[in-house]
PDB file of N, CA and C in Angstrom:
ATOM      1  N   UNK A   1     183.019  -1.069 -24.182  1.00  0.00           N
ATOM      2  CA  UNK A   1     182.189  -1.218 -25.361  1.00  0.00           C
ATOM      3  C   UNK A   1     181.808   0.164 -25.893  1.00  0.00           C
ATOM      4  N   UNK A   2     182.043   0.382 -27.140  1.00  0.00           N
ATOM      5  CA  UNK A   2     181.707   1.654 -27.785  1.00  0.00           C
ATOM      6  C   UNK A   2     180.200   1.861 -27.812  1.00  0.00           C
ATOM      7  N   UNK A   3     179.790   3.122 -27.789  1.00  0.00           N
ATOM      8  CA  UNK A   3     178.372   3.465 -27.937  1.00  0.00           C
ATOM      9  C   UNK A   3     178.247   4.465 -29.074  1.00  0.00           C
ATOM     10  N   UNK A   4     177.109   4.443 -29.683  1.00  0.00           N
ATOM     11  CA  UNK A   4     176.826   5.367 -30.769  1.00  0.00           C
ATOM     12  C   UNK A   4     176.220   6.631 -30.168  1.00  0.00           C
ATOM     13  N   UNK A   5     176.805   7.770 -30.466  1.00  0.00           N
ATOM     14  CA  UNK A   5     176.189   9.011 -30.004  1.00  0.00           C
ATOM     15  C   UNK A   5     175.601   9.751 -31.198  1.00  0.00           C
ATOM     16  N   UNK A   6     174.528  10.423 -30.902  1.00  0.00           N
ATOM     17  CA  UNK A   6     173.893  11.298 -31.883  1.00  0.00           C
ATOM     18  C   UNK A   6     174.040  12.721 -31.365  1.00  0.00           C
ATOM     19  N   UNK A   7     174.568  13.574 -32.209  1.00  0.00           N
ATOM     20  CA  UNK A   7     174.651  14.992 -31.898  1.00  0.00           C
ATOM     21  C   UNK A   7     173.646  15.684 -32.806  1.00  0.00           C
ATOM     22  N   UNK A   8     172.637  16.263 -32.205  1.00  0.00           N
ATOM     23  CA  UNK A   8     171.612  16.986 -32.960  1.00  0.00           C
ATOM     24  C   UNK A   8     171.793  18.466 -32.666  1.00  0.00           C
ATOM     25  N   UNK A   9     171.924  19.241 -33.718  1.00  0.00           N
ATOM     26  CA  UNK A   9     172.020  20.689 -33.563  1.00  0.00           C
ATOM     27  C   UNK A   9     170.767  21.325 -34.151  1.00  0.00           C
ATOM     28  N   UNK A  10     170.287  22.340 -33.478  1.00  0.00           N
ATOM     29  CA  UNK A  10     169.073  23.041 -33.891  1.00  0.00           C
ATOM     30  C   UNK A  10     169.407  24.484 -34.239  1.00  0.00           C
ATOM     31  N   UNK A  11     168.871  24.957 -35.339  1.00  0.00           N
ATOM     32  CA  UNK A  11     168.876  26.381 -35.640  1.00  0.00           C
ATOM     33  C   UNK A  11     167.485  26.883 -35.283  1.00  0.00           C
ATOM     34  N   UNK A  12     167.427  27.797 -34.315  1.00  0.00           N
ATOM     35  CA  UNK A  12     166.149  28.290 -33.815  1.00  0.00           C
ATOM     36  C   UNK A  12     165.795  29.626 -34.458  1.00  0.00           C
ATOM     37  N   UNK A  13     164.510  29.929 -34.461  1.00  0.00           N
ATOM     38  CA  UNK A  13     164.069  31.237 -34.931  1.00  0.00           C
ATOM     39  C   UNK A  13     164.708  32.308 -34.042  1.00  0.00           C
ATOM     40  N   UNK A  14     165.073  33.430 -34.620  1.00  0.00           N
ATOM     41  CA  UNK A  14     165.706  34.494 -33.831  1.00  0.00           C
ATOM     42  C   UNK A  14     164.868  34.877 -32.610  1.00  0.00           C
ATOM     43  N   UNK A  15     165.543  35.009 -31.477  1.00  0.00           N
ATOM     44  CA  UNK A  15     164.900  35.458 -30.255  1.00  0.00           C
ATOM     45  C   UNK A  15     164.096  34.409 -29.500  1.00  0.00           C
ATOM     46  N   UNK A  16     164.203  33.135 -29.896  1.00  0.00           N
ATOM     47  CA  UNK A  16     163.382  32.097 -29.254  1.00  0.00           C
ATOM     48  C   UNK A  16     164.178  31.153 -28.358  1.00  0.00           C
ATOM     49  N   UNK A  17     165.445  31.426 -28.155  1.00  0.00           N
ATOM     50  CA  UNK A  17     166.291  30.518 -27.390  1.00  0.00           C
ATOM     51  C   UNK A  17     165.748  30.255 -25.982  1.00  0.00           C
ATOM     52  N   UNK A  18     165.355  31.298 -25.272  1.00  0.00           N
ATOM     53  CA  UNK A  18     164.854  31.112 -23.904  1.00  0.00           C
ATOM     54  C   UNK A  18     163.576  30.283 -23.876  1.00  0.00           C
ATOM     55  N   UNK A  19     162.671  30.517 -24.793  1.00  0.00           N
ATOM     56  CA  UNK A  19     161.426  29.748 -24.878  1.00  0.00           C
ATOM     57  C   UNK A  19     161.723  28.284 -25.165  1.00  0.00           C
ATOM     58  N   UNK A  20     162.603  28.051 -26.128  1.00  0.00           N
ATOM     59  CA  UNK A  20     162.978  26.681 -26.487  1.00  0.00           C
ATOM     60  C   UNK A  20     163.648  25.988 -25.304  1.00  0.00           C
ATOM     61  N   UNK A  21     164.581  26.667 -24.686  1.00  0.00           N
ATOM     62  CA  UNK A  21     165.318  26.079 -23.567  1.00  0.00           C
ATOM     63  C   UNK A  21     164.365  25.695 -22.433  1.00  0.00           C
ATOM     64  N   UNK A  22     163.430  26.552 -22.111  1.00  0.00           N
ATOM     65  CA  UNK A  22     162.483  26.263 -21.026  1.00  0.00           C
ATOM     66  C   UNK A  22     161.636  25.036 -21.376  1.00  0.00           C
ATOM     67  N   UNK A  23     161.142  24.942 -22.600  1.00  0.00           N
ATOM     68  CA  UNK A  23     160.351  23.779 -23.019  1.00  0.00           C
ATOM     69  C   UNK A  23     161.203  22.514 -22.995  1.00  0.00           C
ATOM     70  N   UNK A  24     162.463  22.644 -23.363  1.00  0.00           N
ATOM     71  CA  UNK A  24     163.377  21.502 -23.376  1.00  0.00           C
ATOM     72  C   UNK A  24     163.651  21.009 -21.964  1.00  0.00           C
ATOM     73  N   UNK A  25     164.005  21.934 -21.068  1.00  0.00           N
ATOM     74  CA  UNK A  25     164.351  21.579 -19.685  1.00  0.00           C
ATOM     75  C   UNK A  25     163.135  21.067 -18.917  1.00  0.00           C
ATOM     76  N   UNK A  26     162.019  21.754 -19.059  1.00  0.00           N
ATOM     77  CA  UNK A  26     160.838  21.422 -18.260  1.00  0.00           C
ATOM     78  C   UNK A  26     160.068  20.211 -18.769  1.00  0.00           C
ATOM     79  N   UNK A  27     160.107  19.965 -20.072  1.00  0.00           N
ATOM     80  CA  UNK A  27     159.242  18.917 -20.615  1.00  0.00           C
ATOM     81  C   UNK A  27     159.965  17.897 -21.484  1.00  0.00           C
ATOM     82  N   UNK A  28     160.698  18.344 -22.499  1.00  0.00           N
ATOM     83  CA  UNK A  28     161.262  17.403 -23.479  1.00  0.00           C
ATOM     84  C   UNK A  28     162.305  16.468 -22.867  1.00  0.00           C
ATOM     85  N   UNK A  29     163.264  17.003 -22.151  1.00  0.00           N
ATOM     86  CA  UNK A  29     164.324  16.160 -21.585  1.00  0.00           C
ATOM     87  C   UNK A  29     163.772  15.191 -20.529  1.00  0.00           C
ATOM     88  N   UNK A  30     162.898  15.631 -19.624  1.00  0.00           N
ATOM     89  CA  UNK A  30     162.321  14.645 -18.695  1.00  0.00           C
ATOM     90  C   UNK A  30     161.571  13.521 -19.413  1.00  0.00           C
ATOM     91  N   UNK A  31     160.866  13.840 -20.496  1.00  0.00           N
ATOM     92  CA  UNK A  31     160.179  12.788 -21.262  1.00  0.00           C
ATOM     93  C   UNK A  31     161.172  11.852 -21.931  1.00  0.00           C
ATOM     94  N   UNK A  32     162.227  12.407 -22.512  1.00  0.00           N
ATOM     95  CA  UNK A  32     163.254  11.566 -23.139  1.00  0.00           C
ATOM     96  C   UNK A  32     163.855  10.603 -22.123  1.00  0.00           C
ATOM     97  N   UNK A  33     164.214  11.133 -20.974  1.00  0.00           N
ATOM     98  CA  UNK A  33     164.828  10.287 -19.942  1.00  0.00           C
ATOM     99  C   UNK A  33     163.845   9.237 -19.429  1.00  0.00           C
ATOM    100  N   UNK A  34     162.585   9.610 -19.242  1.00  0.00           N
ATOM    101  CA  UNK A  34     161.575   8.653 -18.781  1.00  0.00           C
ATOM    102  C   UNK A  34     161.363   7.538 -19.804  1.00  0.00           C
ATOM    103  N   UNK A  35     161.580   7.851 -21.078  1.00  0.00           N
ATOM    104  CA  UNK A  35     161.431   6.855 -22.144  1.00  0.00           C
ATOM    105  C   UNK A  35     162.696   6.012 -22.321  1.00  0.00           C
ATOM    106  N   UNK A  36     163.724   6.262 -21.516  1.00  0.00           N
ATOM    107  CA  UNK A  36     164.930   5.444 -21.557  1.00  0.00           C
ATOM    108  C   UNK A  36     166.065   5.977 -22.402  1.00  0.00           C
ATOM    109  N   UNK A  37     165.942   7.187 -22.932  1.00  0.00           N
ATOM    110  CA  UNK A  37     167.031   7.766 -23.719  1.00  0.00           C
ATOM    111  C   UNK A  37     168.161   8.193 -22.785  1.00  0.00           C
ATOM    112  N   UNK A  38     169.382   7.932 -23.192  1.00  0.00           N
ATOM    113  CA  UNK A  38     170.555   8.375 -22.452  1.00  0.00           C
ATOM    114  C   UNK A  38     170.922   9.770 -22.957  1.00  0.00           C
ATOM    115  N   UNK A  39     170.402  10.790 -22.283  1.00  0.00           N
ATOM    116  CA  UNK A  39     170.689  12.180 -22.653  1.00  0.00           C
ATOM    117  C   UNK A  39     172.030  12.541 -22.032  1.00  0.00           C
ATOM    118  N   UNK A  40     173.028  12.711 -22.881  1.00  0.00           N
ATOM    119  CA  UNK A  40     174.390  12.975 -22.434  1.00  0.00           C
ATOM    120  C   UNK A  40     174.567  14.450 -22.083  1.00  0.00           C
ATOM    121  N   UNK A  41     174.093  15.324 -22.945  1.00  0.00           N
ATOM    122  CA  UNK A  41     174.240  16.759 -22.735  1.00  0.00           C
ATOM    123  C   UNK A  41     173.282  17.495 -23.662  1.00  0.00           C
ATOM    124  N   UNK A  42     172.930  18.717 -23.275  1.00  0.00           N
ATOM    125  CA  UNK A  42     172.083  19.569 -24.107  1.00  0.00           C
ATOM    126  C   UNK A  42     172.258  20.997 -23.631  1.00  0.00           C
ATOM    127  N   UNK A  43     171.918  21.920 -24.496  1.00  0.00           N
ATOM    128  CA  UNK A  43     171.960  23.313 -24.094  1.00  0.00           C
ATOM    129  C   UNK A  43     172.247  24.242 -25.248  1.00  0.00           C
ATOM    130  N   UNK A  44     172.323  25.538 -24.954  1.00  0.00           N
ATOM    131  CA  UNK A  44     172.651  26.515 -25.981  1.00  0.00           C
ATOM    132  C   UNK A  44     174.067  26.283 -26.498  1.00  0.00           C
ATOM    133  N   UNK A  45     174.233  26.433 -27.777  1.00  0.00           N
ATOM    134  CA  UNK A  45     175.556  26.309 -28.367  1.00  0.00           C
ATOM    135  C   UNK A  45     176.400  27.529 -28.019  1.00  0.00           C
ATOM    136  N   UNK A  46     177.675  27.324 -27.884  1.00  0.00           N
ATOM    137  CA  UNK A  46     178.577  28.430 -27.553  1.00  0.00           C
ATOM    138  C   UNK A  46     178.944  29.279 -28.773  1.00  0.00           C
ATOM    139  N   UNK A  47     178.649  28.780 -29.975  1.00  0.00           N
ATOM    140  CA  UNK A  47     179.142  29.446 -31.177  1.00  0.00           C
ATOM    141  C   UNK A  47     178.145  30.374 -31.868  1.00  0.00           C
ATOM    142  N   UNK A  48     176.871  30.230 -31.546  1.00  0.00           N
ATOM    143  CA  UNK A  48     175.867  30.965 -32.304  1.00  0.00           C
ATOM    144  C   UNK A  48     174.680  31.281 -31.402  1.00  0.00           C
ATOM    145  N   UNK A  49     174.175  32.484 -31.499  1.00  0.00           N
ATOM    146  CA  UNK A  49     173.146  32.975 -30.582  1.00  0.00           C
ATOM    147  C   UNK A  49     171.864  32.139 -30.573  1.00  0.00           C
ATOM    148  N   UNK A  50     171.390  31.712 -31.708  1.00  0.00           N
ATOM    149  CA  UNK A  50     170.127  30.978 -31.794  1.00  0.00           C
ATOM    150  C   UNK A  50     170.338  29.516 -32.166  1.00  0.00           C
ATOM    151  N   UNK A  51     171.389  28.914 -31.608  1.00  0.00           N
ATOM    152  CA  UNK A  51     171.681  27.507 -31.871  1.00  0.00           C
ATOM    153  C   UNK A  51     171.643  26.726 -30.560  1.00  0.00           C
ATOM    154  N   UNK A  52     171.274  25.467 -30.660  1.00  0.00           N
ATOM    155  CA  UNK A  52     171.088  24.604 -29.491  1.00  0.00           C
ATOM    156  C   UNK A  52     171.557  23.221 -29.881  1.00  0.00           C
ATOM    157  N   UNK A  53     171.896  22.395 -28.901  1.00  0.00           N
ATOM    158  CA  UNK A  53     172.329  21.034 -29.217  1.00  0.00           C
ATOM    159  C   UNK A  53     171.745  20.033 -28.229  1.00  0.00           C
ATOM    160  N   UNK A  54     171.692  18.792 -28.679  1.00  0.00           N
ATOM    161  CA  UNK A  54     171.267  17.657 -27.863  1.00  0.00           C
ATOM    162  C   UNK A  54     172.175  16.492 -28.224  1.00  0.00           C
ATOM    163  N   UNK A  55     172.793  15.866 -27.222  1.00  0.00           N
ATOM    164  CA  UNK A  55     173.630  14.693 -27.443  1.00  0.00           C
ATOM    165  C   UNK A  55     173.012  13.527 -26.688  1.00  0.00           C
ATOM    166  N   UNK A  56     172.766  12.427 -27.416  1.00  0.00           N
ATOM    167  CA  UNK A  56     172.221  11.211 -26.813  1.00  0.00           C
ATOM    168  C   UNK A  56     173.108  10.034 -27.185  1.00  0.00           C
ATOM    169  N   UNK A  57     173.133   9.017 -26.320  1.00  0.00           N
ATOM    170  CA  UNK A  57     173.950   7.817 -26.560  1.00  0.00           C
ATOM    171  C   UNK A  57     173.035   6.600 -26.717  1.00  0.00           C
ATOM    172  N   UNK A  58     173.430   5.705 -27.624  1.00  0.00           N
ATOM    173  CA  UNK A  58     172.672   4.495 -27.931  1.00  0.00           C
ATOM    174  C   UNK A  58     173.626   3.310 -28.072  1.00  0.00           C
ATOM    175  N   UNK A  59     173.072   2.116 -28.016  1.00  0.00           N
ATOM    176  CA  UNK A  59     173.888   0.910 -28.183  1.00  0.00           C
ATOM    177  C   UNK A  59     174.395   0.770 -29.613  1.00  0.00           C
ATOM    178  N   UNK A  60     173.543   1.090 -30.577  1.00  0.00           N
ATOM    179  CA  UNK A  60     173.887   0.983 -31.998  1.00  0.00           C
ATOM    180  C   UNK A  60     172.810   1.702 -32.801  1.00  0.00           C
ATOM    181  N   UNK A  61     172.909   1.657 -34.119  1.00  0.00           N
ATOM    182  CA  UNK A  61     171.955   2.370 -34.971  1.00  0.00           C
ATOM    183  C   UNK A  61     170.539   1.801 -34.845  1.00  0.00           C
ATOM    184  N   UNK A  62     170.423   0.494 -34.696  1.00  0.00           N
ATOM    185  CA  UNK A  62     169.098  -0.109 -34.513  1.00  0.00           C
ATOM    186  C   UNK A  62     168.449   0.393 -33.218  1.00  0.00           C
ATOM    187  N   UNK A  63     169.232   0.507 -32.153  1.00  0.00           N
ATOM    188  CA  UNK A  63     168.733   1.015 -30.880  1.00  0.00           C
ATOM    189  C   UNK A  63     168.291   2.472 -31.030  1.00  0.00           C
ATOM    190  N   UNK A  64     169.099   3.279 -31.694  1.00  0.00           N
ATOM    191  CA  UNK A  64     168.758   4.686 -31.940  1.00  0.00           C
ATOM    192  C   UNK A  64     167.416   4.769 -32.657  1.00  0.00           C
ATOM    193  N   UNK A  65     167.278   4.039 -33.760  1.00  0.00           N
ATOM    194  CA  UNK A  65     166.046   4.099 -34.549  1.00  0.00           C
ATOM    195  C   UNK A  65     164.840   3.608 -33.765  1.00  0.00           C
ATOM    196  N   UNK A  66     164.986   2.520 -33.028  1.00  0.00           N
ATOM    197  CA  UNK A  66     163.865   1.972 -32.259  1.00  0.00           C
ATOM    198  C   UNK A  66     163.430   2.938 -31.156  1.00  0.00           C
ATOM    199  N   UNK A  67     164.402   3.477 -30.410  1.00  0.00           N
ATOM    200  CA  UNK A  67     164.059   4.397 -29.324  1.00  0.00           C
ATOM    201  C   UNK A  67     163.429   5.682 -29.848  1.00  0.00           C
ATOM    202  N   UNK A  68     163.983   6.216 -30.927  1.00  0.00           N
ATOM    203  CA  UNK A  68     163.436   7.460 -31.448  1.00  0.00           C
ATOM    204  C   UNK A  68     162.072   7.258 -32.091  1.00  0.00           C
ATOM    205  N   UNK A  69     161.879   6.154 -32.809  1.00  0.00           N
ATOM    206  CA  UNK A  69     160.559   5.874 -33.384  1.00  0.00           C
ATOM    207  C   UNK A  69     159.508   5.767 -32.285  1.00  0.00           C
ATOM    208  N   UNK A  70     159.843   5.052 -31.226  1.00  0.00           N
ATOM    209  CA  UNK A  70     158.897   4.888 -30.117  1.00  0.00           C
ATOM    210  C   UNK A  70     158.611   6.230 -29.440  1.00  0.00           C
ATOM    211  N   UNK A  71     159.655   6.999 -29.192  1.00  0.00           N
ATOM    212  CA  UNK A  71     159.475   8.270 -28.484  1.00  0.00           C
ATOM    213  C   UNK A  71     158.678   9.268 -29.316  1.00  0.00           C
ATOM    214  N   UNK A  72     159.125   9.520 -30.554  1.00  0.00           N
ATOM    215  CA  UNK A  72     158.494  10.564 -31.356  1.00  0.00           C
ATOM    216  C   UNK A  72     157.097  10.175 -31.840  1.00  0.00           C
ATOM    217  N   UNK A  73     156.756   8.906 -31.742  1.00  0.00           N
ATOM    218  CA  UNK A  73     155.406   8.455 -32.053  1.00  0.00           C
ATOM    219  C   UNK A  73     154.505   8.347 -30.840  1.00  0.00           C
ATOM    220  N   UNK A  74     155.045   8.600 -29.655  1.00  0.00           N
ATOM    221  CA  UNK A  74     154.294   8.400 -28.414  1.00  0.00           C
ATOM    222  C   UNK A  74     153.287   9.531 -28.165  1.00  0.00           C
ATOM    223  N   UNK A  75     152.180   9.202 -27.503  1.00  0.00           N
ATOM    224  CA  UNK A  75     151.222  10.249 -27.133  1.00  0.00           C
ATOM    225  C   UNK A  75     151.818  11.262 -26.157  1.00  0.00           C
ATOM    226  N   UNK A  76     152.737  10.819 -25.306  1.00  0.00           N
ATOM    227  CA  UNK A  76     153.371  11.739 -24.345  1.00  0.00           C
ATOM    228  C   UNK A  76     154.088  12.875 -25.073  1.00  0.00           C
ATOM    229  N   UNK A  77     154.776  12.545 -26.172  1.00  0.00           N
ATOM    230  CA  UNK A  77     155.470  13.560 -26.952  1.00  0.00           C
ATOM    231  C   UNK A  77     154.490  14.340 -27.819  1.00  0.00           C
ATOM    232  N   UNK A  78     153.640  13.627 -28.541  1.00  0.00           N
ATOM    233  CA  UNK A  78     152.741  14.269 -29.499  1.00  0.00           C
ATOM    234  C   UNK A  78     151.709  15.178 -28.819  1.00  0.00           C
ATOM    235  N   UNK A  79     151.246  14.787 -27.651  1.00  0.00           N
ATOM    236  CA  UNK A  79     150.255  15.588 -26.943  1.00  0.00           C
ATOM    237  C   UNK A  79     150.898  16.448 -25.852  1.00  0.00           C
ATOM    238  N   UNK A  80     152.214  16.345 -25.728  1.00  0.00           N
ATOM    239  CA  UNK A  80     152.950  17.102 -24.721  1.00  0.00           C
ATOM    240  C   UNK A  80     153.674  18.283 -25.332  1.00  0.00           C
ATOM    241  N   UNK A  81     155.007  18.326 -25.189  1.00  0.00           N
ATOM    242  CA  UNK A  81     155.771  19.522 -25.585  1.00  0.00           C
ATOM    243  C   UNK A  81     156.080  19.632 -27.077  1.00  0.00           C
ATOM    244  N   UNK A  82     155.626  18.689 -27.879  1.00  0.00           N
ATOM    245  CA  UNK A  82     155.990  18.656 -29.296  1.00  0.00           C
ATOM    246  C   UNK A  82     155.761  20.002 -29.996  1.00  0.00           C
ATOM    247  N   UNK A  83     154.562  20.536 -29.896  1.00  0.00           N
ATOM    248  CA  UNK A  83     154.239  21.782 -30.599  1.00  0.00           C
ATOM    249  C   UNK A  83     155.110  22.948 -30.151  1.00  0.00           C
ATOM    250  N   UNK A  84     155.318  23.079 -28.849  1.00  0.00           N
ATOM    251  CA  UNK A  84     156.130  24.187 -28.327  1.00  0.00           C
ATOM    252  C   UNK A  84     157.577  24.079 -28.796  1.00  0.00           C
ATOM    253  N   UNK A  85     158.086  22.862 -28.861  1.00  0.00           N
ATOM    254  CA  UNK A  85     159.470  22.649 -29.277  1.00  0.00           C
ATOM    255  C   UNK A  85     159.612  22.865 -30.781  1.00  0.00           C
ATOM    256  N   UNK A  86     158.738  22.239 -31.564  1.00  0.00           N
ATOM    257  CA  UNK A  86     158.853  22.337 -33.027  1.00  0.00           C
ATOM    258  C   UNK A  86     158.567  23.738 -33.562  1.00  0.00           C
ATOM    259  N   UNK A  87     157.758  24.508 -32.853  1.00  0.00           N
ATOM    260  CA  UNK A  87     157.350  25.831 -33.332  1.00  0.00           C
ATOM    261  C   UNK A  87     158.520  26.779 -33.567  1.00  0.00           C
ATOM    262  N   UNK A  88     159.612  26.600 -32.845  1.00  0.00           N
ATOM    263  CA  UNK A  88     160.719  27.555 -32.956  1.00  0.00           C
ATOM    264  C   UNK A  88     161.944  26.981 -33.681  1.00  0.00           C
ATOM    265  N   UNK A  89     161.875  25.730 -34.107  1.00  0.00           N
ATOM    266  CA  UNK A  89     163.013  25.123 -34.830  1.00  0.00           C
ATOM    267  C   UNK A  89     162.904  25.468 -36.309  1.00  0.00           C
ATOM    268  N   UNK A  90     163.934  26.131 -36.832  1.00  0.00           N
ATOM    269  CA  UNK A  90     163.988  26.415 -38.263  1.00  0.00           C
ATOM    270  C   UNK A  90     164.537  25.212 -39.026  1.00  0.00           C
ATOM    271  N   UNK A  91     165.549  24.583 -38.449  1.00  0.00           N
ATOM    272  CA  UNK A  91     166.120  23.370 -39.038  1.00  0.00           C
ATOM    273  C   UNK A  91     166.958  22.652 -38.004  1.00  0.00           C
ATOM    274  N   UNK A  92     167.216  21.369 -38.261  1.00  0.00           N
ATOM    275  CA  UNK A  92     168.122  20.628 -37.391  1.00  0.00           C
ATOM    276  C   UNK A  92     168.958  19.691 -38.232  1.00  0.00           C
ATOM    277  N   UNK A  93     170.070  19.280 -37.661  1.00  0.00           N
ATOM    278  CA  UNK A  93     171.008  18.406 -38.343  1.00  0.00           C
ATOM    279  C   UNK A  93     171.533  17.386 -37.347  1.00  0.00           C
ATOM    280  N   UNK A  94     171.598  16.137 -37.772  1.00  0.00           N
ATOM    281  CA  UNK A  94     172.119  15.066 -36.921  1.00  0.00           C
ATOM    282  C   UNK A  94     173.457  14.562 -37.451  1.00  0.00           C
ATOM    283  N   UNK A  95     174.313  14.193 -36.524  1.00  0.00           N
ATOM    284  CA  UNK A  95     175.541  13.467 -36.837  1.00  0.00           C
ATOM    285  C   UNK A  95     175.628  12.329 -35.833  1.00  0.00           C
ATOM    286  N   UNK A  96     176.067  11.157 -36.277  1.00  0.00           N
ATOM    287  CA  UNK A  96     176.243  10.025 -35.370  1.00  0.00           C
ATOM    288  C   UNK A  96     177.678   9.520 -35.488  1.00  0.00           C
ATOM    289  N   UNK A  97     178.236   9.114 -34.353  1.00  0.00           N
ATOM    290  CA  UNK A  97     179.587   8.580 -34.333  1.00  0.00           C
ATOM    291  C   UNK A  97     179.768   7.699 -33.112  1.00  0.00           C
ATOM    292  N   UNK A  98     180.757   6.830 -33.184  1.00  0.00           N
ATOM    293  CA  UNK A  98     181.063   5.923 -32.084  1.00  0.00           C
ATOM    294  C   UNK A  98     182.005   6.596 -31.101  1.00  0.00           C
ATOM    295  N   UNK A  99     181.728   6.395 -29.812  1.00  0.00           N
ATOM    296  CA  UNK A  99     182.608   6.893 -28.759  1.00  0.00           C
ATOM    297  C   UNK A  99     182.726   5.853 -27.657  1.00  0.00           C
ATOM    298  N   UNK A 100     183.827   5.924 -26.945  1.00  0.00           N
ATOM    299  CA  UNK A 100     184.021   5.051 -25.788  1.00  0.00           C
ATOM    300  C   UNK A 100     183.184   5.562 -24.619  1.00  0.00           C
ATOM    301  N   UNK A 101     182.867   4.700 -23.660  1.00  0.00           N
ATOM    302  CA  UNK A 101     182.154   5.158 -22.463  1.00  0.00           C
ATOM    303  C   UNK A 101     182.905   6.279 -21.744  1.00  0.00           C
ATOM    304  N   UNK A 102     184.235   6.224 -21.744  1.00  0.00           N
ATOM    305  CA  UNK A 102     185.034   7.264 -21.093  1.00  0.00           C
ATOM    306  C   UNK A 102     184.841   8.616 -21.783  1.00  0.00           C
ATOM    307  N   UNK A 103     184.812   8.605 -23.112  1.00  0.00           N
ATOM    308  CA  UNK A 103     184.612   9.848 -23.858  1.00  0.00           C
ATOM    309  C   UNK A 103     183.205  10.402 -23.625  1.00  0.00           C
ATOM    310  N   UNK A 104     182.217   9.518 -23.553  1.00  0.00           N
ATOM    311  CA  UNK A 104     180.842   9.954 -23.294  1.00  0.00           C
ATOM    312  C   UNK A 104     180.739  10.559 -21.899  1.00  0.00           C
ATOM    313  N   UNK A 105     181.353   9.925 -20.923  1.00  0.00           N
ATOM    314  CA  UNK A 105     181.341  10.472 -19.568  1.00  0.00           C
ATOM    315  C   UNK A 105     182.069  11.806 -19.495  1.00  0.00           C
ATOM    316  N   UNK A 106     183.116  11.962 -20.296  1.00  0.00           N
ATOM    317  CA  UNK A 106     183.818  13.239 -20.357  1.00  0.00           C
ATOM    318  C   UNK A 106     182.907  14.325 -20.929  1.00  0.00           C
ATOM    319  N   UNK A 107     182.138  13.981 -21.962  1.00  0.00           N
ATOM    320  CA  UNK A 107     181.159  14.930 -22.502  1.00  0.00           C
ATOM    321  C   UNK A 107     180.152  15.351 -21.435  1.00  0.00           C
ATOM    322  N   UNK A 108     179.665  14.382 -20.674  1.00  0.00           N
ATOM    323  CA  UNK A 108     178.705  14.685 -19.599  1.00  0.00           C
ATOM    324  C   UNK A 108     179.312  15.655 -18.591  1.00  0.00           C
ATOM    325  N   UNK A 109     180.513  15.326 -18.154  1.00  0.00           N
ATOM    326  CA  UNK A 109     181.175  16.100 -17.104  1.00  0.00           C
ATOM    327  C   UNK A 109     181.527  17.519 -17.579  1.00  0.00           C
ATOM    328  N   UNK A 110     182.102  17.629 -18.742  1.00  0.00           N
ATOM    329  CA  UNK A 110     182.572  18.930 -19.230  1.00  0.00           C
ATOM    330  C   UNK A 110     181.437  19.852 -19.644  1.00  0.00           C
ATOM    331  N   UNK A 111     180.266  19.290 -19.925  1.00  0.00           N
ATOM    332  CA  UNK A 111     179.154  20.088 -20.399  1.00  0.00           C
ATOM    333  C   UNK A 111     177.974  20.093 -19.445  1.00  0.00           C
ATOM    334  N   UNK A 112     178.211  19.711 -18.203  1.00  0.00           N
ATOM    335  CA  UNK A 112     177.122  19.642 -17.222  1.00  0.00           C
ATOM    336  C   UNK A 112     176.448  20.995 -17.034  1.00  0.00           C
ATOM    337  N   UNK A 113     177.214  22.058 -17.067  1.00  0.00           N
ATOM    338  CA  UNK A 113     176.643  23.393 -16.885  1.00  0.00           C
ATOM    339  C   UNK A 113     175.972  23.933 -18.121  1.00  0.00           C
ATOM    340  N   UNK A 114     176.135  23.260 -19.263  1.00  0.00           N
ATOM    341  CA  UNK A 114     175.569  23.765 -20.515  1.00  0.00           C
ATOM    342  C   UNK A 114     174.053  23.778 -20.484  1.00  0.00           C
ATOM    343  N   UNK A 115     173.443  22.935 -19.663  1.00  0.00           N
ATOM    344  CA  UNK A 115     171.989  22.879 -19.620  1.00  0.00           C
ATOM    345  C   UNK A 115     171.391  23.982 -18.745  1.00  0.00           C
ATOM    346  N   UNK A 116     172.235  24.852 -18.216  1.00  0.00           N
ATOM    347  CA  UNK A 116     171.741  25.954 -17.394  1.00  0.00           C
ATOM    348  C   UNK A 116     171.011  26.989 -18.230  1.00  0.00           C
ATOM    349  N   UNK A 117     170.511  27.998 -17.592  1.00  0.00           N
ATOM    350  CA  UNK A 117     169.761  29.032 -18.282  1.00  0.00           C
ATOM    351  C   UNK A 117     170.676  29.819 -19.206  1.00  0.00           C
ATOM    352  N   UNK A 118     170.287  29.973 -20.464  1.00  0.00           N
ATOM    353  CA  UNK A 118     171.102  30.742 -21.398  1.00  0.00           C
ATOM    354  C   UNK A 118     171.210  32.201 -20.965  1.00  0.00           C
ATOM    355  N   UNK A 119     172.338  32.777 -21.278  1.00  0.00           N
ATOM    356  CA  UNK A 119     172.553  34.134 -20.831  1.00  0.00           C
ATOM    357  C   UNK A 119     172.463  35.114 -21.901  1.00  0.00           C
TER     358      UNK A 119
END
């Protein structure tokens, strides 16, 4: 069964990648996972110094919207890492597309190290 993936790319303020990454690893991703989001991969982009990405998988567009509305409206997010994360984002862009479970697992496997500390 195909799943809908969302690829979110962030353009960060210059020099803030390490701060953003630490807030993402320590707070944002654990909250996303605790809220039931399937976080496929995340980390610094390989193409640009102050760029970052997040890939999540959903059952369909309704599932994406419901999960994100619940998460981004939650007190855990709003009173947690929200300010630290948003403070350094200049802009973000989303793309959604259908992928097979095999392709999603390949993304997980090939990008497992991407969530490591940026260099």
